[in-house]
Amino acid sequence: MTTPDGGSRFAEFGPPRRVEGGLRARSTKGAIGRSWWSRRFLEVLESFALGTRLTRGRAYARRGQVLRLDIAPGLVTASVQGSRPDPYPVRIGLAAYPDGVWERIEAELAGQAFFSARLLAGDLPAELEELFDAAGAPLFPATVGELGQHCGCPDFAVPCKHLAATFYLLAEAFDADPFQLLHWRGRSRGELLDRLRTLRGAATPGAAPAGPAAVPDGPVAPVDADSGPARPVAGAGRVLVGLPAVPPDDEVDRFWVSPVALPDRPPALATGPELLLRQLGPPGAAIGGPGLAERLRRAYREFGRGEAGSDDPG
């Protein structure tokens, strides 16, 4: 079968043209994705039962067929070289959250020093996914329908191998810069970190309030009856919440003191001397059968009485 221009229609599905200088996946074999967030992103995609399409896309990503990859709020665009002379344009859409949603998320992040410290250090803590879910703004897509996928190739499958290759290169872009994931959802690194610094600075003692988004430092923000529900506790806050505050002058003296009372001695399990026999079950006939178990049981009882008698002073 030929096309109107005299070419073969099946040539569209031939091997891809080799390119130089493409974006080649760093992973040469096995799974792609090193960080928890890139692995989680690919786990979500693979949970959509996309089959061998992702496998073929992974091979494209490793061959360097993706020529360009750009991430913007709500949209990823790429250029992927296939079998035709011209690369295929690829677009992957995912809803970017509006400013009102991000302001709520930023208030939650700034309200817990754990999140602010990790983000300011350039890291995404695993608890971040839980915080986004609690805010009603999931970090990752929950269904394949949330992803707007389009490729200029003639393949009717969605995702095609060009889209799949873009997904894998996108995961590696998240490895290199985790804030690209948040940028796709609507907040750039600079905007988010500037906002967190502002909120954290406003929450320090003596600073002017920055509106309702400002929250005090600590694992849990104190609230009164009119201020709404308490903020969720994440990270180290789950362990530290509820412990009494220690004045700075007493911290050195209390360094080796347990924050909770310890028992005088470790608890001991009170059991009879024949517990081991009950756990092992009846011996086989070759070593004495049930009679051996009974003899051992009596012996253990005698041993137990002997140990008890040895404690008597007389």
Protein backbone atom coordinates (compact mmCIF):
# COMPACT_ATOMS: atom_id res chain seq x y z
CA MET A 1 0.00 0.00 0.00
CA THR A 2 1.30 3.41 -0.97
CA THR A 3 0.49 6.91 0.14
CA PRO A 4 -0.57 9.70 -2.31
CA ASP A 5 3.03 10.90 -2.52
CA GLY A 6 4.18 7.44 -3.63
CA GLY A 7 5.72 6.39 -0.33
CA SER A 8 4.91 3.28 1.66
CA ARG A 9 2.36 3.72 4.42
CA PHE A 10 4.13 1.06 6.48
CA ALA A 11 7.37 3.08 6.39
CA GLU A 12 5.74 5.26 9.05
CA PHE A 13 6.11 2.37 11.46
CA GLY A 14 9.70 1.44 10.63
CA PRO A 15 12.71 1.76 12.94
CA PRO A 16 13.42 5.26 14.25
CA ARG A 17 16.00 7.44 12.61
CA ARG A 18 19.24 7.65 14.53
CA VAL A 19 19.89 11.10 15.97
CA GLU A 20 22.87 12.82 17.52
CA GLY A 21 22.71 14.90 20.67
CA GLY A 22 19.35 13.62 21.89
CA LEU A 23 18.33 13.45 25.53
CA ARG A 24 19.47 9.99 26.49
CA ALA A 25 18.24 8.33 29.69
CA ARG A 26 21.00 7.93 32.26
CA SER A 27 19.74 4.47 33.19
CA THR A 28 21.03 1.95 30.64
CA LYS A 29 19.17 -1.10 31.99
CA GLY A 30 16.57 -2.03 34.57
CA ALA A 31 14.19 0.48 36.07
CA ILE A 32 14.35 4.21 35.39
CA GLY A 33 14.05 6.61 38.30
CA ARG A 34 16.28 6.93 41.36
CA SER A 35 14.35 9.18 43.75
CA TRP A 36 11.10 8.26 45.48
CA TRP A 37 9.17 10.91 43.56
CA SER A 38 10.33 9.80 40.09
CA ARG A 39 9.75 6.14 40.95
CA ARG A 40 6.33 7.00 42.33
CA PHE A 41 5.48 8.89 39.13
CA LEU A 42 6.40 5.88 36.99
CA GLU A 43 4.61 3.49 39.35
CA VAL A 44 1.44 5.53 38.82
CA LEU A 45 1.86 5.34 35.04
CA GLU A 46 2.54 1.61 35.10
CA SER A 47 -0.52 1.06 37.31
CA PHE A 48 -2.65 2.27 34.39
CA ALA A 49 -1.90 -1.06 32.62
CA LEU A 50 -0.36 0.56 29.56
CA GLY A 51 1.45 -2.69 28.68
CA THR A 52 4.30 -2.88 26.18
CA ARG A 53 3.88 0.73 25.11
CA LEU A 54 5.93 1.88 28.08
CA THR A 55 8.57 -0.78 27.36
CA ARG A 56 9.04 0.50 23.79
CA GLY A 57 9.13 4.06 25.09
CA ARG A 58 11.87 3.15 27.57
CA ALA A 59 14.00 1.86 24.66
CA TYR A 60 13.41 5.14 22.81
CA ALA A 61 14.46 7.12 25.88
CA ARG A 62 17.69 5.12 26.18
CA ARG A 63 18.51 5.56 22.49
CA GLY A 64 18.32 9.35 22.81
CA GLN A 65 15.32 9.78 20.49
CA VAL A 66 13.89 12.65 22.60
CA LEU A 67 15.38 15.83 21.19
CA ARG A 68 13.79 18.39 23.50
CA LEU A 69 11.84 18.40 26.77
CA ASP A 70 10.27 21.47 28.36
CA ILE A 71 8.21 21.65 31.56
CA ALA A 72 5.74 24.46 32.20
CA PRO A 73 2.77 24.78 34.58
CA GLY A 74 0.17 22.30 33.38
CA LEU A 75 2.03 21.25 30.22
CA VAL A 76 5.07 19.22 29.18
CA THR A 77 6.18 19.57 25.55
CA ALA A 78 8.76 17.46 23.77
CA SER A 79 10.13 16.65 20.34
CA VAL A 80 10.75 12.96 19.60
CA GLN A 81 12.46 11.57 16.54
CA GLY A 82 10.68 8.61 14.98
CA SER A 83 10.88 6.95 11.59
CA ARG A 84 9.86 10.05 9.62
CA PRO A 85 12.34 12.82 8.70
CA ASP A 86 10.63 15.36 10.96
CA PRO A 87 10.41 14.78 14.74
CA TYR A 88 6.98 14.30 16.28
CA PRO A 89 5.63 17.01 18.60
CA VAL A 90 4.51 15.62 21.96
CA ARG A 91 2.31 17.30 24.58
CA ILE A 92 1.40 15.97 28.04
CA GLY A 93 -1.04 18.02 30.08
CA LEU A 94 -1.70 17.79 33.81
CA ALA A 95 -3.84 20.31 35.67
CA ALA A 96 -1.85 23.08 37.34
CA TYR A 97 -3.36 24.09 40.67
CA PRO A 98 -4.58 27.69 40.97
CA ASP A 99 -3.00 30.23 43.30
CA GLY A 100 -5.64 29.71 45.99
CA VAL A 101 -4.81 26.01 46.27
CA TRP A 102 -1.09 26.69 46.33
CA GLU A 103 -1.49 29.32 49.04
CA ARG A 104 -3.21 26.72 51.20
CA ILE A 105 -0.47 24.18 50.53
CA GLU A 106 2.27 26.73 51.22
CA ALA A 107 0.67 27.60 54.56
CA GLU A 108 0.73 23.91 55.50
CA LEU A 109 4.36 23.56 54.41
CA ALA A 110 5.46 26.68 56.27
CA GLY A 111 3.61 25.58 59.39
CA GLN A 112 5.97 22.63 59.92
CA ALA A 113 9.70 23.21 60.12
CA PHE A 114 10.31 19.68 58.85
CA PHE A 115 8.88 20.49 55.42
CA SER A 116 10.42 23.93 55.15
CA ALA A 117 13.91 22.68 56.01
CA ARG A 118 13.78 19.83 53.52
CA LEU A 119 12.39 21.96 50.70
CA LEU A 120 14.85 24.79 51.31
CA ALA A 121 17.60 22.15 51.14
CA GLY A 122 16.34 21.10 47.70
CA ASP A 123 14.69 17.83 48.74
CA LEU A 124 11.13 16.50 48.61
CA PRO A 125 10.25 14.51 51.75
CA ALA A 126 8.10 11.44 51.17
CA GLU A 127 5.44 12.87 53.48
CA LEU A 128 4.85 15.62 50.91
CA GLU A 129 2.52 13.36 48.92
CA GLU A 130 0.37 12.86 52.03
CA LEU A 131 0.21 16.60 52.66
CA PHE A 132 -0.93 17.29 49.09
CA ASP A 133 -3.58 14.59 49.35
CA ALA A 134 -4.85 16.06 52.63
CA ALA A 135 -5.11 19.47 50.95
CA GLY A 136 -7.32 17.96 48.23
CA ALA A 137 -4.62 18.52 45.59
CA PRO A 138 -2.91 15.19 44.78
CA LEU A 139 0.69 15.50 43.68
CA PHE A 140 0.42 12.66 41.14
CA PRO A 141 -2.40 11.84 38.71
CA ALA A 142 -4.89 9.30 40.04
CA THR A 143 -6.22 8.16 36.66
CA VAL A 144 -4.87 8.10 33.13
CA GLY A 145 -7.73 10.43 32.18
CA GLU A 146 -6.07 13.26 34.14
CA LEU A 147 -3.23 13.27 31.61
CA GLY A 148 -3.85 15.04 28.33
CA GLN A 149 -1.68 13.08 25.88
CA HIS A 150 -1.07 14.07 22.27
CA CYS A 151 1.56 13.04 19.73
CA GLY A 152 1.88 14.01 16.06
CA CYS A 153 2.72 10.44 14.98
CA PRO A 154 0.24 8.25 13.02
CA ASP A 155 0.08 5.60 15.77
CA PHE A 156 -3.45 5.38 17.21
CA ALA A 157 -2.25 3.94 20.54
CA VAL A 158 -2.19 6.28 23.55
CA PRO A 159 0.39 6.51 24.83
CA CYS A 160 2.47 5.73 21.77
CA LYS A 161 6.17 4.99 22.15
CA HIS A 162 6.99 8.68 21.65
CA LEU A 163 4.74 9.71 24.53
CA ALA A 164 6.11 6.87 26.66
CA ALA A 165 9.69 7.95 25.95
CA THR A 166 8.76 11.45 27.07
CA PHE A 167 7.32 10.06 30.32
CA TYR A 168 10.60 8.30 31.14
CA LEU A 169 12.72 11.35 30.33
CA LEU A 170 10.31 13.39 32.44
CA ALA A 171 10.90 11.05 35.39
CA GLU A 172 14.65 11.56 35.03
CA ALA A 173 14.11 15.32 34.86
CA PHE A 174 12.33 14.99 38.21
CA ASP A 175 15.37 13.09 39.51
CA ALA A 176 17.67 15.92 38.47
CA ASP A 177 15.41 18.66 39.85
CA PRO A 178 12.49 17.60 42.08
CA PHE A 179 10.98 21.08 41.86
CA GLN A 180 10.14 20.39 38.20
CA LEU A 181 7.34 18.14 39.45
CA LEU A 182 5.93 21.01 41.52
CA HIS A 183 6.47 23.38 38.59
CA TRP A 184 4.31 21.11 36.42
CA ARG A 185 1.63 21.42 39.10
CA GLY A 186 1.83 25.20 39.03
CA ARG A 187 4.64 26.48 41.30
CA SER A 188 8.22 27.14 40.24
CA ARG A 189 11.12 26.58 42.62
CA GLY A 190 11.76 30.31 43.07
CA GLU A 191 8.11 31.15 43.74
CA LEU A 192 7.65 28.34 46.25
CA LEU A 193 10.85 28.93 48.22
CA ASP A 194 10.33 32.71 48.33
CA ARG A 195 6.84 32.13 49.66
CA LEU A 196 8.06 29.71 52.32
CA ARG A 197 10.79 32.11 53.47
CA THR A 198 8.21 34.88 53.76
CA LEU A 199 5.78 32.74 55.74
CA ARG A 200 8.49 31.31 58.01
CA GLY A 201 9.93 34.78 58.63
CA ALA A 202 6.50 36.13 59.54
CA ALA A 203 6.02 33.27 61.99
CA THR A 204 9.15 34.06 64.03
CA PRO A 205 8.74 35.94 67.35
CA GLY A 206 8.57 39.70 66.94
CA ALA A 207 7.75 39.61 63.25
CA ALA A 208 4.64 41.26 61.87
CA PRO A 209 1.84 38.86 60.95
CA ALA A 210 1.56 37.99 57.26
CA GLY A 211 -2.16 37.27 57.22
CA PRO A 212 -4.00 34.02 57.84
CA ALA A 213 -1.38 31.97 56.01
CA ALA A 214 1.27 32.69 58.68
CA VAL A 215 1.61 29.89 61.22
CA PRO A 216 3.87 29.42 64.25
CA ASP A 217 6.92 27.18 64.19
CA GLY A 218 6.78 23.61 65.47
CA PRO A 219 5.39 20.24 64.51
CA VAL A 220 1.80 21.25 65.29
CA ALA A 221 0.34 24.73 64.97
CA PRO A 222 -1.70 25.66 68.07
CA VAL A 223 -5.25 26.71 67.35
CA ASP A 224 -8.19 28.07 69.27
CA ALA A 225 -11.86 27.40 68.84
CA ASP A 226 -12.25 30.04 66.14
CA SER A 227 -9.20 29.22 64.03
CA GLY A 228 -10.33 25.92 62.51
CA PRO A 229 -8.88 22.40 62.69
CA ALA A 230 -5.32 21.68 63.72
CA ARG A 231 -2.77 21.22 60.98
CA PRO A 232 -1.71 17.63 60.16
CA VAL A 233 1.48 16.38 61.74
CA ALA A 234 4.11 14.82 59.49
CA GLY A 235 7.71 13.67 59.65
CA ALA A 236 9.47 14.02 62.99
CA GLY A 237 6.45 15.86 64.32
CA ARG A 238 4.66 12.53 64.73
CA VAL A 239 7.24 11.51 67.33
CA LEU A 240 7.72 14.87 69.02
CA VAL A 241 4.12 16.00 69.26
CA GLY A 242 2.84 16.18 72.82
CA LEU A 243 6.28 16.27 74.48
CA PRO A 244 6.81 19.19 76.89
CA ALA A 245 8.88 22.12 75.69
CA VAL A 246 12.32 22.37 77.29
CA PRO A 247 13.76 25.85 78.08
CA PRO A 248 17.05 26.46 76.24
CA ASP A 249 19.00 26.80 79.52
CA ASP A 250 17.93 23.31 80.58
CA GLU A 251 18.61 21.56 77.27
CA VAL A 252 22.22 20.62 78.10
CA ASP A 253 21.32 19.26 81.54
CA ARG A 254 18.44 17.25 80.07
CA PHE A 255 20.35 15.94 77.05
CA TRP A 256 20.71 12.40 78.41
CA VAL A 257 17.32 12.34 80.10
CA SER A 258 14.59 10.31 78.43
CA PRO A 259 11.58 12.44 77.41
CA VAL A 260 9.28 9.78 78.88
CA ALA A 261 9.51 7.84 82.13
CA LEU A 262 11.24 4.47 81.87
CA PRO A 263 10.31 1.39 83.95
CA ASP A 264 12.62 0.34 86.78
CA ARG A 265 13.55 -2.82 84.90
CA PRO A 266 12.63 -4.28 81.52
CA PRO A 267 9.44 -6.33 81.63
CA ALA A 268 9.94 -10.10 81.63
CA LEU A 269 7.71 -12.74 80.10
CA ALA A 270 6.44 -15.11 82.79
CA THR A 271 6.18 -18.62 81.32
CA GLY A 272 6.24 -22.16 82.56
CA PRO A 273 9.38 -24.28 82.20
CA GLU A 274 7.76 -26.44 79.50
CA LEU A 275 6.99 -23.68 77.00
CA LEU A 276 9.66 -24.97 74.59
CA LEU A 277 8.13 -28.44 74.55
CA ARG A 278 4.73 -27.04 73.67
CA GLN A 279 6.23 -25.08 70.81
CA LEU A 280 8.12 -28.06 69.35
CA GLY A 281 5.26 -30.54 69.42
CA PRO A 282 5.54 -34.29 70.11
CA PRO A 283 8.92 -35.92 69.30
CA GLY A 284 9.07 -38.62 66.66
CA ALA A 285 9.10 -42.30 67.55
CA ALA A 286 12.76 -42.63 66.56
CA ILE A 287 13.85 -40.45 69.51
CA GLY A 288 11.36 -41.62 72.11
CA GLY A 289 7.97 -40.36 70.99
CA PRO A 290 5.46 -38.81 73.47
CA GLY A 291 7.18 -40.62 76.33
CA LEU A 292 10.32 -38.53 75.80
CA ALA A 293 8.27 -35.33 75.91
CA GLU A 294 6.74 -36.34 79.22
CA ARG A 295 10.12 -37.21 80.73
CA LEU A 296 11.54 -33.88 79.61
CA ARG A 297 8.51 -32.08 81.00
CA ARG A 298 9.08 -33.62 84.44
CA ALA A 299 12.78 -32.79 84.23
CA TYR A 300 12.06 -29.16 83.44
CA ARG A 301 9.72 -28.96 86.42
CA GLU A 302 12.45 -30.33 88.68
CA PHE A 303 14.94 -27.85 87.27
CA GLY A 304 12.46 -25.03 87.90
CA ARG A 305 11.96 -26.06 91.51
CA GLY A 306 15.70 -26.30 91.99
CA GLU A 307 16.23 -22.74 90.69
CA ALA A 308 13.50 -21.43 92.98
CA GLY A 309 15.00 -23.20 95.99
CA SER A 310 18.47 -21.81 95.31
CA ASP A 311 17.14 -18.30 96.06
CA ASP A 312 16.25 -19.26 99.65
CA PRO A 313 18.81 -17.90 102.13
CA GLY A 314 18.74 -21.02 104.35
